[in-house]
Amino acid sequence: MTNVLVMLRHGLSQWNLENRFTGFRDVPLTEEGINEAIRAGQKVAKAGYRFDGVYTSTLDRAIQTTKYVLDNAADNNAHLKQADGTWAMVRHDDLRERDYGDLTGLNKAETADKFGADQVHIWRRSYDVPPPNGESLKNVVDDRVGPYFMKEIMPRLQKGENILLGAHGNTLRALLIVLGVRTPDNINEAEIGTGQPIVFEFNGGKMVKSYNLDE
C-alpha cells in the first residue's frame, strides 16, 4: 500500500514577477499566483488524495497557496477543517525560503550589473557559497529543512500517512537532496515551477518514485 508526500512551491508572487530576490520577506501572491494555487488544488482533488497532515512555512505566500489547495481539495479533506473554519496546518520557520541576505529585495538583473553576472551566478547556483549575510543551499539543507523533515515529517511517511507540504523553491530543492532525488552536483538541473504539485510515492517507508501531478 503506497502513501504520498505532495509538495509544491507557492504560486507566483509579486517579487517573482518583478524578478527580485525574495527570501524571508513576506510578499503577496499575484492574481496568476492565486490561479496557479487553485489549479494545483484541482489537480490534488482529481487525484483524490486524503491528507493526514499539512505543513507549510511561516511566510504568507506559502500559507495562502496551501489554503487554496485545500479549499479546492476539500471533499476529501474535510477532516482537516478546524472549529473556526480554518485549515489545520503546521507552520514552521525551518521550511522558509532560503535567506538571500543583502540581496533581498534587489532586482536580479540590476544585482548582476552591480556585482557582476559571474558573482551573482555563484551566489544563486553554487551549493555552498552564501550571498552576503545570507544562506547557501547547503545551509538550508543541513541547518533547517533536512533536520526538520527527518524529525517531523519522515516518521509520518514511514507510518504510511499522506502529507501535503506547501513551501518555496529552495525548500523543495533542499528536499530533493534530502530524499536522494538530486545531489549537490546536479540540483541545478531541477526545474521547480510555481504552483506545480510534485508527488513522492512511498511504500513501506521507502520512497519508490516521484513525478509532477498533471491535469
N, C-alpha and C. Protein backbone atom coordinates (compact mmCIF):
# COMPACT_ATOMS: atom_id res chain seq x y z
N MET A 1 0.85 -1.20 0.00
CA MET A 1 0.00 0.00 0.00
C MET A 1 0.88 1.25 0.00
N THR A 2 0.73 2.09 -1.00
CA THR A 2 1.57 3.28 -1.08
C THR A 2 0.92 4.47 -0.38
N ASN A 3 1.75 5.38 0.05
CA ASN A 3 1.30 6.67 0.56
C ASN A 3 2.13 7.74 -0.11
N VAL A 4 1.74 9.00 0.06
CA VAL A 4 2.37 10.06 -0.72
C VAL A 4 2.76 11.27 0.13
N LEU A 5 3.82 11.91 -0.32
CA LEU A 5 4.17 13.27 0.06
C LEU A 5 3.90 14.12 -1.18
N VAL A 6 2.98 15.07 -1.07
CA VAL A 6 2.72 16.01 -2.16
C VAL A 6 3.27 17.36 -1.74
N MET A 7 4.23 17.86 -2.49
CA MET A 7 4.79 19.16 -2.12
C MET A 7 4.74 20.09 -3.32
N LEU A 8 4.60 21.37 -3.04
CA LEU A 8 4.58 22.34 -4.12
C LEU A 8 5.15 23.67 -3.68
N ARG A 9 5.75 24.34 -4.64
CA ARG A 9 6.20 25.71 -4.45
C ARG A 9 4.97 26.61 -4.50
N HIS A 10 5.00 27.70 -3.76
CA HIS A 10 3.89 28.66 -3.77
C HIS A 10 3.63 29.19 -5.17
N GLY A 11 2.44 29.75 -5.37
CA GLY A 11 2.13 30.38 -6.65
C GLY A 11 2.98 31.63 -6.88
N LEU A 12 2.94 32.13 -8.10
CA LEU A 12 3.73 33.30 -8.49
C LEU A 12 3.49 34.47 -7.55
N SER A 13 4.56 35.01 -6.98
CA SER A 13 4.44 36.16 -6.08
C SER A 13 4.75 37.45 -6.83
N GLN A 14 4.47 38.57 -6.17
CA GLN A 14 4.73 39.86 -6.80
C GLN A 14 6.21 40.05 -7.09
N TRP A 15 7.06 39.60 -6.19
CA TRP A 15 8.50 39.75 -6.43
C TRP A 15 9.04 38.72 -7.40
N ASN A 16 8.40 37.55 -7.53
CA ASN A 16 8.75 36.66 -8.64
C ASN A 16 8.52 37.40 -9.95
N LEU A 17 7.38 38.05 -10.03
CA LEU A 17 7.00 38.78 -11.24
C LEU A 17 7.99 39.90 -11.53
N GLU A 18 8.47 40.56 -10.47
CA GLU A 18 9.40 41.68 -10.64
C GLU A 18 10.86 41.23 -10.68
N ASN A 19 11.09 39.91 -10.65
CA ASN A 19 12.44 39.34 -10.74
C ASN A 19 13.34 39.81 -9.60
N ARG A 20 12.77 39.80 -8.38
CA ARG A 20 13.52 40.22 -7.21
C ARG A 20 13.86 39.03 -6.31
N PHE A 21 14.96 39.14 -5.57
CA PHE A 21 15.28 38.15 -4.55
C PHE A 21 14.31 38.33 -3.38
N THR A 22 13.59 37.28 -3.03
CA THR A 22 12.54 37.42 -2.02
C THR A 22 12.97 36.92 -0.66
N GLY A 23 13.49 35.70 -0.58
CA GLY A 23 13.96 35.18 0.68
C GLY A 23 12.92 35.17 1.78
N PHE A 24 13.27 35.72 2.95
CA PHE A 24 12.39 35.71 4.11
C PHE A 24 11.31 36.80 4.07
N ARG A 25 11.34 37.68 3.08
CA ARG A 25 10.39 38.78 3.03
C ARG A 25 8.99 38.26 2.69
N ASP A 26 7.98 38.80 3.34
CA ASP A 26 6.60 38.44 3.04
C ASP A 26 6.12 39.25 1.84
N VAL A 27 5.78 38.56 0.77
CA VAL A 27 5.34 39.19 -0.47
C VAL A 27 4.06 38.49 -0.92
N PRO A 28 3.03 39.22 -1.35
CA PRO A 28 1.76 38.59 -1.71
C PRO A 28 1.82 37.85 -3.03
N LEU A 29 0.88 36.93 -3.21
CA LEU A 29 0.69 36.26 -4.49
C LEU A 29 0.11 37.24 -5.50
N THR A 30 0.47 37.07 -6.75
CA THR A 30 -0.18 37.80 -7.83
C THR A 30 -1.50 37.10 -8.16
N GLU A 31 -2.29 37.72 -9.02
CA GLU A 31 -3.53 37.08 -9.47
C GLU A 31 -3.22 35.76 -10.15
N GLU A 32 -2.16 35.74 -10.96
CA GLU A 32 -1.77 34.48 -11.60
C GLU A 32 -1.32 33.47 -10.57
N GLY A 33 -0.64 33.93 -9.51
CA GLY A 33 -0.21 33.03 -8.45
C GLY A 33 -1.39 32.38 -7.74
N ILE A 34 -2.43 33.16 -7.52
CA ILE A 34 -3.66 32.62 -6.92
C ILE A 34 -4.27 31.57 -7.85
N ASN A 35 -4.32 31.89 -9.14
CA ASN A 35 -4.87 30.93 -10.09
C ASN A 35 -4.04 29.66 -10.16
N GLU A 36 -2.72 29.79 -10.05
CA GLU A 36 -1.86 28.60 -10.02
C GLU A 36 -2.18 27.73 -8.81
N ALA A 37 -2.38 28.37 -7.66
CA ALA A 37 -2.69 27.63 -6.45
C ALA A 37 -4.04 26.93 -6.57
N ILE A 38 -5.01 27.61 -7.16
CA ILE A 38 -6.32 26.99 -7.37
C ILE A 38 -6.21 25.79 -8.30
N ARG A 39 -5.46 25.94 -9.38
CA ARG A 39 -5.28 24.82 -10.32
C ARG A 39 -4.57 23.66 -9.64
N ALA A 40 -3.61 23.98 -8.78
CA ALA A 40 -2.92 22.92 -8.04
C ALA A 40 -3.90 22.15 -7.17
N GLY A 41 -4.80 22.88 -6.50
CA GLY A 41 -5.81 22.23 -5.68
C GLY A 41 -6.74 21.36 -6.50
N GLN A 42 -7.06 21.80 -7.70
CA GLN A 42 -7.91 21.00 -8.58
C GLN A 42 -7.22 19.72 -9.00
N LYS A 43 -5.92 19.79 -9.23
CA LYS A 43 -5.15 18.59 -9.57
C LYS A 43 -5.14 17.61 -8.39
N VAL A 44 -4.94 18.15 -7.19
CA VAL A 44 -4.93 17.31 -5.99
C VAL A 44 -6.30 16.67 -5.78
N ALA A 45 -7.35 17.45 -6.01
CA ALA A 45 -8.71 16.93 -5.86
C ALA A 45 -8.97 15.81 -6.85
N LYS A 46 -8.55 16.00 -8.10
CA LYS A 46 -8.76 14.99 -9.13
C LYS A 46 -8.03 13.69 -8.78
N ALA A 47 -6.85 13.83 -8.17
CA ALA A 47 -6.08 12.64 -7.77
C ALA A 47 -6.70 11.93 -6.57
N GLY A 48 -7.56 12.63 -5.83
CA GLY A 48 -8.29 12.02 -4.72
C GLY A 48 -7.52 11.85 -3.44
N TYR A 49 -6.48 12.65 -3.23
CA TYR A 49 -5.66 12.48 -2.04
C TYR A 49 -6.40 12.93 -0.78
N ARG A 50 -6.26 12.12 0.24
CA ARG A 50 -6.76 12.46 1.58
C ARG A 50 -5.55 12.59 2.48
N PHE A 51 -5.30 13.79 2.98
CA PHE A 51 -4.08 14.05 3.74
C PHE A 51 -4.28 13.84 5.24
N ASP A 52 -3.24 13.29 5.84
CA ASP A 52 -3.22 13.10 7.29
C ASP A 52 -2.56 14.27 8.00
N GLY A 53 -1.77 15.03 7.28
CA GLY A 53 -1.10 16.18 7.85
C GLY A 53 -0.71 17.17 6.78
N VAL A 54 -0.64 18.44 7.17
CA VAL A 54 -0.31 19.53 6.25
C VAL A 54 0.76 20.40 6.89
N TYR A 55 1.80 20.71 6.11
CA TYR A 55 2.90 21.54 6.61
C TYR A 55 3.15 22.68 5.64
N THR A 56 3.58 23.80 6.19
CA THR A 56 3.96 24.94 5.37
C THR A 56 4.96 25.79 6.14
N SER A 57 5.49 26.80 5.47
CA SER A 57 6.39 27.71 6.16
C SER A 57 5.58 28.78 6.88
N THR A 58 6.27 29.72 7.48
CA THR A 58 5.60 30.82 8.17
C THR A 58 5.46 32.05 7.27
N LEU A 59 5.78 31.90 5.99
CA LEU A 59 5.66 33.01 5.05
C LEU A 59 4.31 32.94 4.35
N ASP A 60 3.69 34.11 4.20
CA ASP A 60 2.29 34.16 3.78
C ASP A 60 2.05 33.57 2.40
N ARG A 61 3.00 33.72 1.46
CA ARG A 61 2.76 33.20 0.11
C ARG A 61 2.63 31.69 0.10
N ALA A 62 3.36 31.02 0.98
CA ALA A 62 3.24 29.56 1.08
C ALA A 62 1.96 29.18 1.82
N ILE A 63 1.63 29.91 2.86
CA ILE A 63 0.40 29.62 3.63
C ILE A 63 -0.82 29.79 2.73
N GLN A 64 -0.88 30.90 2.00
CA GLN A 64 -2.04 31.17 1.15
C GLN A 64 -2.17 30.13 0.04
N THR A 65 -1.04 29.76 -0.56
CA THR A 65 -1.08 28.73 -1.60
C THR A 65 -1.63 27.43 -1.05
N THR A 66 -1.17 27.04 0.12
CA THR A 66 -1.63 25.80 0.74
C THR A 66 -3.11 25.85 1.05
N LYS A 67 -3.59 27.02 1.49
CA LYS A 67 -5.02 27.18 1.76
C LYS A 67 -5.84 27.01 0.49
N TYR A 68 -5.39 27.61 -0.60
CA TYR A 68 -6.12 27.48 -1.87
C TYR A 68 -6.15 26.02 -2.32
N VAL A 69 -5.06 25.31 -2.12
CA VAL A 69 -5.04 23.89 -2.49
C VAL A 69 -6.08 23.13 -1.68
N LEU A 70 -6.10 23.35 -0.39
CA LEU A 70 -7.06 22.64 0.47
C LEU A 70 -8.50 23.07 0.18
N ASP A 71 -8.70 24.36 -0.10
CA ASP A 71 -10.05 24.82 -0.44
C ASP A 71 -10.60 24.05 -1.64
N ASN A 72 -9.72 23.73 -2.59
CA ASN A 72 -10.16 23.08 -3.82
C ASN A 72 -10.08 21.56 -3.75
N ALA A 73 -9.54 21.05 -2.67
CA ALA A 73 -9.50 19.59 -2.46
C ALA A 73 -10.26 19.24 -1.18
N ALA A 74 -11.27 20.06 -0.86
CA ALA A 74 -11.95 19.95 0.43
C ALA A 74 -12.79 18.69 0.58
N ASP A 75 -13.30 18.15 -0.53
CA ASP A 75 -14.19 17.00 -0.43
C ASP A 75 -13.52 15.82 0.28
N ASN A 76 -12.23 15.62 0.01
CA ASN A 76 -11.51 14.51 0.62
C ASN A 76 -10.79 14.89 1.91
N ASN A 77 -10.85 16.18 2.25
CA ASN A 77 -10.03 16.64 3.37
C ASN A 77 -10.80 17.47 4.40
N ALA A 78 -12.09 17.24 4.47
CA ALA A 78 -12.93 17.97 5.42
C ALA A 78 -12.48 17.74 6.86
N HIS A 79 -11.85 16.60 7.11
CA HIS A 79 -11.39 16.29 8.47
C HIS A 79 -10.31 17.25 8.95
N LEU A 80 -9.70 17.99 8.02
CA LEU A 80 -8.65 18.94 8.39
C LEU A 80 -9.18 20.33 8.72
N LYS A 81 -10.49 20.52 8.56
CA LYS A 81 -11.10 21.81 8.91
C LYS A 81 -11.27 21.91 10.42
N GLN A 82 -10.83 23.03 10.98
CA GLN A 82 -10.93 23.25 12.42
C GLN A 82 -12.26 23.92 12.76
N ALA A 83 -12.54 23.97 14.05
CA ALA A 83 -13.82 24.51 14.51
C ALA A 83 -14.05 25.95 14.06
N ASP A 84 -12.97 26.72 13.91
CA ASP A 84 -13.12 28.12 13.50
C ASP A 84 -13.16 28.29 11.98
N GLY A 85 -13.18 27.16 11.25
CA GLY A 85 -13.28 27.21 9.80
C GLY A 85 -11.96 27.28 9.06
N THR A 86 -10.85 27.36 9.80
CA THR A 86 -9.53 27.40 9.16
C THR A 86 -8.99 25.99 8.99
N TRP A 87 -8.00 25.88 8.13
CA TRP A 87 -7.39 24.57 7.88
C TRP A 87 -6.31 24.28 8.92
N ALA A 88 -6.27 23.05 9.38
CA ALA A 88 -5.22 22.63 10.30
C ALA A 88 -3.93 22.42 9.52
N MET A 89 -2.93 23.22 9.84
CA MET A 89 -1.63 23.04 9.19
C MET A 89 -0.53 23.46 10.15
N VAL A 90 0.59 22.78 10.06
CA VAL A 90 1.75 23.09 10.88
C VAL A 90 2.61 24.08 10.11
N ARG A 91 2.89 25.24 10.72
CA ARG A 91 3.71 26.27 10.09
C ARG A 91 5.03 26.36 10.85
N HIS A 92 6.14 26.35 10.11
CA HIS A 92 7.43 26.37 10.81
C HIS A 92 8.46 27.19 10.04
N ASP A 93 9.27 27.95 10.81
CA ASP A 93 10.32 28.77 10.21
C ASP A 93 11.33 27.94 9.41
N ASP A 94 11.57 26.71 9.82
CA ASP A 94 12.58 25.90 9.15
C ASP A 94 12.21 25.58 7.71
N LEU A 95 10.95 25.75 7.34
CA LEU A 95 10.50 25.46 5.97
C LEU A 95 10.46 26.72 5.10
N ARG A 96 11.02 27.82 5.61
CA ARG A 96 11.03 29.06 4.82
C ARG A 96 11.99 28.96 3.64
N GLU A 97 11.81 29.91 2.72
CA GLU A 97 12.72 30.07 1.58
C GLU A 97 14.14 30.34 2.09
N ARG A 98 15.09 30.15 1.23
CA ARG A 98 16.48 30.50 1.52
C ARG A 98 16.59 31.99 1.81
N ASP A 99 17.40 32.34 2.80
CA ASP A 99 17.64 33.73 3.15
C ASP A 99 18.68 34.31 2.20
N TYR A 100 18.28 35.29 1.41
CA TYR A 100 19.20 35.90 0.45
C TYR A 100 20.00 37.07 1.04
N GLY A 101 19.85 37.31 2.32
CA GLY A 101 20.68 38.30 2.99
C GLY A 101 20.60 39.68 2.35
N ASP A 102 21.77 40.24 2.02
CA ASP A 102 21.83 41.60 1.50
C ASP A 102 21.21 41.73 0.10
N LEU A 103 20.94 40.62 -0.55
CA LEU A 103 20.33 40.67 -1.88
C LEU A 103 18.81 40.79 -1.83
N THR A 104 18.23 40.56 -0.67
CA THR A 104 16.77 40.55 -0.54
C THR A 104 16.17 41.87 -1.03
N GLY A 105 15.20 41.74 -1.93
CA GLY A 105 14.51 42.90 -2.47
C GLY A 105 15.14 43.48 -3.72
N LEU A 106 16.37 43.06 -4.04
CA LEU A 106 17.05 43.60 -5.21
C LEU A 106 16.58 42.91 -6.48
N ASN A 107 16.47 43.66 -7.55
CA ASN A 107 16.18 43.09 -8.85
C ASN A 107 17.39 42.28 -9.32
N LYS A 108 17.14 41.09 -9.85
CA LYS A 108 18.24 40.18 -10.18
C LYS A 108 19.12 40.72 -11.30
N ALA A 109 18.51 41.36 -12.29
CA ALA A 109 19.30 41.93 -13.38
C ALA A 109 20.15 43.09 -12.89
N GLU A 110 19.57 43.95 -12.06
CA GLU A 110 20.32 45.07 -11.51
C GLU A 110 21.45 44.58 -10.59
N THR A 111 21.19 43.50 -9.87
CA THR A 111 22.22 42.94 -9.00
C THR A 111 23.40 42.43 -9.82
N ALA A 112 23.11 41.82 -10.96
CA ALA A 112 24.17 41.34 -11.85
C ALA A 112 24.99 42.52 -12.38
N ASP A 113 24.32 43.62 -12.69
CA ASP A 113 25.04 44.81 -13.16
C ASP A 113 25.94 45.36 -12.06
N LYS A 114 25.48 45.28 -10.81
CA LYS A 114 26.22 45.86 -9.69
C LYS A 114 27.40 45.00 -9.27
N PHE A 115 27.17 43.69 -9.14
CA PHE A 115 28.21 42.81 -8.60
C PHE A 115 28.91 41.97 -9.67
N GLY A 116 28.36 41.97 -10.87
CA GLY A 116 28.90 41.12 -11.93
C GLY A 116 28.10 39.85 -12.07
N ALA A 117 27.81 39.47 -13.30
CA ALA A 117 26.96 38.30 -13.55
C ALA A 117 27.57 37.03 -12.99
N ASP A 118 28.89 36.89 -13.08
CA ASP A 118 29.54 35.67 -12.59
C ASP A 118 29.38 35.53 -11.08
N GLN A 119 29.56 36.64 -10.35
CA GLN A 119 29.44 36.57 -8.89
C GLN A 119 28.01 36.25 -8.48
N VAL A 120 27.03 36.88 -9.15
CA VAL A 120 25.63 36.62 -8.81
C VAL A 120 25.26 35.19 -9.14
N HIS A 121 25.79 34.67 -10.23
CA HIS A 121 25.53 33.26 -10.58
C HIS A 121 26.05 32.34 -9.49
N ILE A 122 27.22 32.64 -8.96
CA ILE A 122 27.79 31.83 -7.87
C ILE A 122 26.88 31.90 -6.65
N TRP A 123 26.44 33.08 -6.28
CA TRP A 123 25.56 33.22 -5.12
C TRP A 123 24.25 32.46 -5.32
N ARG A 124 23.71 32.49 -6.54
CA ARG A 124 22.42 31.86 -6.79
C ARG A 124 22.52 30.35 -6.95
N ARG A 125 23.57 29.87 -7.61
CA ARG A 125 23.58 28.47 -8.04
C ARG A 125 24.65 27.58 -7.42
N SER A 126 25.64 28.16 -6.75
CA SER A 126 26.60 27.28 -6.07
C SER A 126 25.90 26.64 -4.88
N TYR A 127 26.37 25.49 -4.48
CA TYR A 127 25.73 24.76 -3.39
C TYR A 127 26.11 25.33 -2.03
N ASP A 128 27.34 25.79 -1.88
CA ASP A 128 27.82 26.11 -0.54
C ASP A 128 28.38 27.52 -0.37
N VAL A 129 28.13 28.40 -1.33
CA VAL A 129 28.60 29.79 -1.20
C VAL A 129 27.39 30.69 -0.96
N PRO A 130 27.27 31.27 0.23
CA PRO A 130 26.10 32.12 0.52
C PRO A 130 26.29 33.54 -0.01
N PRO A 131 25.20 34.24 -0.29
CA PRO A 131 25.31 35.68 -0.57
C PRO A 131 25.65 36.41 0.72
N PRO A 132 26.07 37.66 0.65
CA PRO A 132 26.43 38.39 1.87
C PRO A 132 25.31 38.38 2.91
N ASN A 133 25.65 37.89 4.11
CA ASN A 133 24.70 37.84 5.23
C ASN A 133 23.49 36.96 4.96
N GLY A 134 23.62 36.00 4.04
CA GLY A 134 22.52 35.10 3.72
C GLY A 134 22.91 33.64 3.89
N GLU A 135 22.12 32.77 3.28
CA GLU A 135 22.33 31.32 3.37
C GLU A 135 22.70 30.73 2.02
N SER A 136 23.52 29.71 2.05
CA SER A 136 23.72 28.87 0.88
C SER A 136 22.65 27.77 0.89
N LEU A 137 22.50 27.07 -0.23
CA LEU A 137 21.57 25.95 -0.25
C LEU A 137 22.02 24.87 0.73
N LYS A 138 23.33 24.72 0.89
CA LYS A 138 23.85 23.75 1.85
C LYS A 138 23.39 24.09 3.27
N ASN A 139 23.39 25.38 3.61
CA ASN A 139 22.87 25.80 4.91
C ASN A 139 21.41 25.40 5.07
N VAL A 140 20.63 25.59 4.02
CA VAL A 140 19.20 25.26 4.09
C VAL A 140 19.02 23.77 4.30
N VAL A 141 19.79 22.96 3.58
CA VAL A 141 19.70 21.50 3.71
C VAL A 141 20.14 21.05 5.09
N ASP A 142 21.31 21.50 5.52
CA ASP A 142 21.93 20.97 6.74
C ASP A 142 21.37 21.56 8.03
N ASP A 143 21.00 22.83 7.99
CA ASP A 143 20.65 23.53 9.23
C ASP A 143 19.16 23.61 9.49
N ARG A 144 18.34 23.52 8.44
CA ARG A 144 16.91 23.77 8.64
C ARG A 144 16.03 22.65 8.07
N VAL A 145 15.97 22.60 6.74
CA VAL A 145 15.00 21.74 6.08
C VAL A 145 15.28 20.26 6.34
N GLY A 146 16.54 19.85 6.22
CA GLY A 146 16.87 18.44 6.43
C GLY A 146 16.52 17.95 7.82
N PRO A 147 17.03 18.61 8.87
CA PRO A 147 16.71 18.15 10.23
C PRO A 147 15.22 18.18 10.55
N TYR A 148 14.54 19.24 10.12
CA TYR A 148 13.10 19.34 10.41
C TYR A 148 12.33 18.22 9.71
N PHE A 149 12.64 18.01 8.44
CA PHE A 149 11.94 16.98 7.68
C PHE A 149 12.16 15.60 8.29
N MET A 150 13.39 15.29 8.65
CA MET A 150 13.68 13.96 9.17
C MET A 150 13.07 13.74 10.55
N LYS A 151 12.93 14.80 11.33
CA LYS A 151 12.36 14.67 12.66
C LYS A 151 10.84 14.68 12.65
N GLU A 152 10.24 15.57 11.86
CA GLU A 152 8.79 15.81 11.96
C GLU A 152 7.96 15.13 10.87
N ILE A 153 8.47 15.05 9.66
CA ILE A 153 7.66 14.59 8.53
C ILE A 153 7.98 13.16 8.13
N MET A 154 9.24 12.81 8.04
CA MET A 154 9.61 11.46 7.61
C MET A 154 9.00 10.36 8.48
N PRO A 155 8.96 10.49 9.80
CA PRO A 155 8.33 9.43 10.60
C PRO A 155 6.87 9.21 10.23
N ARG A 156 6.17 10.25 9.86
CA ARG A 156 4.77 10.11 9.46
C ARG A 156 4.65 9.39 8.11
N LEU A 157 5.55 9.70 7.21
CA LEU A 157 5.57 9.00 5.93
C LEU A 157 5.90 7.52 6.13
N GLN A 158 6.81 7.25 7.04
CA GLN A 158 7.17 5.86 7.32
C GLN A 158 6.03 5.08 7.96
N LYS A 159 5.10 5.79 8.59
CA LYS A 159 3.92 5.14 9.16
C LYS A 159 2.81 4.96 8.13
N GLY A 160 3.03 5.45 6.91
CA GLY A 160 2.04 5.28 5.86
C GLY A 160 1.08 6.43 5.71
N GLU A 161 1.38 7.57 6.31
CA GLU A 161 0.48 8.72 6.21
C GLU A 161 0.72 9.50 4.92
N ASN A 162 -0.31 10.22 4.49
CA ASN A 162 -0.22 11.13 3.35
C ASN A 162 -0.01 12.56 3.86
N ILE A 163 0.98 13.24 3.28
CA ILE A 163 1.36 14.56 3.77
C ILE A 163 1.36 15.56 2.62
N LEU A 164 0.82 16.75 2.88
CA LEU A 164 0.88 17.87 1.95
C LEU A 164 1.85 18.90 2.50
N LEU A 165 2.75 19.38 1.65
CA LEU A 165 3.74 20.38 2.05
C LEU A 165 3.74 21.53 1.05
N GLY A 166 3.37 22.72 1.50
CA GLY A 166 3.42 23.91 0.66
C GLY A 166 4.56 24.80 1.12
N ALA A 167 5.52 25.07 0.22
CA ALA A 167 6.69 25.83 0.66
C ALA A 167 7.26 26.67 -0.48
N HIS A 168 8.56 26.59 -0.70
CA HIS A 168 9.27 27.52 -1.57
C HIS A 168 10.24 26.77 -2.47
N GLY A 169 10.72 27.46 -3.49
CA GLY A 169 11.61 26.82 -4.44
C GLY A 169 12.83 26.18 -3.80
N ASN A 170 13.51 26.91 -2.93
CA ASN A 170 14.72 26.36 -2.32
C ASN A 170 14.42 25.38 -1.20
N THR A 171 13.26 25.49 -0.57
CA THR A 171 12.83 24.45 0.37
C THR A 171 12.70 23.13 -0.36
N LEU A 172 12.06 23.18 -1.52
CA LEU A 172 11.84 21.96 -2.29
C LEU A 172 13.14 21.43 -2.90
N ARG A 173 14.00 22.33 -3.34
CA ARG A 173 15.31 21.89 -3.84
C ARG A 173 16.09 21.19 -2.73
N ALA A 174 16.02 21.74 -1.53
CA ALA A 174 16.69 21.09 -0.40
C ALA A 174 16.11 19.71 -0.15
N LEU A 175 14.80 19.58 -0.25
CA LEU A 175 14.16 18.28 -0.01
C LEU A 175 14.50 17.27 -1.09
N LEU A 176 14.70 17.73 -2.31
CA LEU A 176 15.13 16.80 -3.37
C LEU A 176 16.47 16.18 -3.01
N ILE A 177 17.33 16.95 -2.37
CA ILE A 177 18.62 16.42 -1.91
C ILE A 177 18.42 15.50 -0.72
N VAL A 178 17.62 15.92 0.24
CA VAL A 178 17.37 15.10 1.44
C VAL A 178 16.78 13.74 1.05
N LEU A 179 15.88 13.74 0.07
CA LEU A 179 15.22 12.49 -0.36
C LEU A 179 16.06 11.68 -1.33
N GLY A 180 17.20 12.21 -1.74
CA GLY A 180 18.08 11.46 -2.63
C GLY A 180 17.69 11.50 -4.09
N VAL A 181 16.75 12.38 -4.44
CA VAL A 181 16.34 12.52 -5.84
C VAL A 181 17.41 13.29 -6.62
N ARG A 182 18.03 14.24 -5.97
CA ARG A 182 19.11 15.02 -6.56
C ARG A 182 20.31 15.03 -5.62
N THR A 183 21.45 15.46 -6.16
CA THR A 183 22.67 15.61 -5.37
C THR A 183 23.12 17.07 -5.44
N PRO A 184 24.05 17.48 -4.58
CA PRO A 184 24.56 18.85 -4.70
C PRO A 184 25.13 19.15 -6.08
N ASP A 185 25.60 18.12 -6.78
CA ASP A 185 26.20 18.33 -8.09
C ASP A 185 25.18 18.55 -9.20
N ASN A 186 23.98 18.00 -9.05
CA ASN A 186 23.01 18.13 -10.15
C ASN A 186 21.70 18.83 -9.75
N ILE A 187 21.67 19.42 -8.56
CA ILE A 187 20.43 20.05 -8.10
C ILE A 187 20.01 21.20 -9.01
N ASN A 188 20.97 21.85 -9.67
CA ASN A 188 20.60 22.97 -10.53
C ASN A 188 19.84 22.53 -11.77
N GLU A 189 19.83 21.24 -12.06
CA GLU A 189 19.07 20.72 -13.20
C GLU A 189 17.58 20.61 -12.87
N ALA A 190 17.24 20.71 -11.60
CA ALA A 190 15.84 20.56 -11.18
C ALA A 190 15.06 21.84 -11.46
N GLU A 191 14.01 21.71 -12.24
CA GLU A 191 13.12 22.84 -12.52
C GLU A 191 11.88 22.72 -11.64
N ILE A 192 11.65 23.70 -10.80
CA ILE A 192 10.51 23.67 -9.89
C ILE A 192 9.63 24.88 -10.18
N GLY A 193 8.55 24.65 -10.89
CA GLY A 193 7.66 25.73 -11.28
C GLY A 193 6.77 26.16 -10.13
N THR A 194 6.30 27.40 -10.19
CA THR A 194 5.36 27.88 -9.18
C THR A 194 4.03 27.15 -9.31
N GLY A 195 3.49 26.73 -8.18
CA GLY A 195 2.17 26.11 -8.16
C GLY A 195 2.09 24.73 -8.78
N GLN A 196 3.22 24.06 -8.97
CA GLN A 196 3.21 22.73 -9.58
C GLN A 196 3.38 21.64 -8.52
N PRO A 197 2.34 20.86 -8.23
CA PRO A 197 2.49 19.78 -7.24
C PRO A 197 3.44 18.69 -7.73
N ILE A 198 4.31 18.26 -6.83
CA ILE A 198 5.22 17.14 -7.08
C ILE A 198 4.86 16.03 -6.10
N VAL A 199 4.68 14.82 -6.63
CA VAL A 199 4.27 13.68 -5.81
C VAL A 199 5.45 12.75 -5.58
N PHE A 200 5.63 12.36 -4.32
CA PHE A 200 6.62 11.35 -3.95
C PHE A 200 5.85 10.17 -3.36
N GLU A 201 5.93 9.04 -4.01
CA GLU A 201 5.24 7.85 -3.51
C GLU A 201 6.17 7.05 -2.61
N PHE A 202 5.61 6.58 -1.49
CA PHE A 202 6.35 5.78 -0.53
C PHE A 202 5.68 4.41 -0.40
N ASN A 203 6.49 3.41 -0.18
CA ASN A 203 5.99 2.05 0.06
C ASN A 203 6.85 1.43 1.15
N GLY A 204 6.21 1.07 2.25
CA GLY A 204 6.97 0.50 3.36
C GLY A 204 7.98 1.47 3.94
N GLY A 205 7.68 2.77 3.88
CA GLY A 205 8.58 3.76 4.45
C GLY A 205 9.70 4.20 3.53
N LYS A 206 9.76 3.64 2.31
CA LYS A 206 10.81 3.97 1.35
C LYS A 206 10.19 4.69 0.16
N MET A 207 10.86 5.75 -0.30
CA MET A 207 10.38 6.43 -1.49
C MET A 207 10.65 5.56 -2.71
N VAL A 208 9.62 5.38 -3.54
CA VAL A 208 9.76 4.50 -4.70
C VAL A 208 9.74 5.25 -6.02
N LYS A 209 9.07 6.40 -6.09
CA LYS A 209 9.11 7.20 -7.31
C LYS A 209 8.57 8.60 -7.04
N SER A 210 8.88 9.49 -7.99
CA SER A 210 8.39 10.87 -7.89
C SER A 210 8.01 11.36 -9.27
N TYR A 211 7.04 12.27 -9.32
CA TYR A 211 6.56 12.80 -10.60
C TYR A 211 5.73 14.05 -10.36
N ASN A 212 5.63 14.87 -11.39
CA ASN A 212 4.75 16.03 -11.33
C ASN A 212 3.30 15.58 -11.45
N LEU A 213 2.43 16.21 -10.69
CA LEU A 213 1.00 15.88 -10.74
C LEU A 213 0.37 16.74 -11.83
N ASP A 214 -0.04 16.09 -12.91
CA ASP A 214 -0.61 16.80 -14.05
C ASP A 214 -2.12 16.81 -13.99
N GLU A 215 -2.71 17.48 -14.98
CA GLU A 215 -4.16 17.59 -15.04
C GLU A 215 -4.80 16.18 -15.14
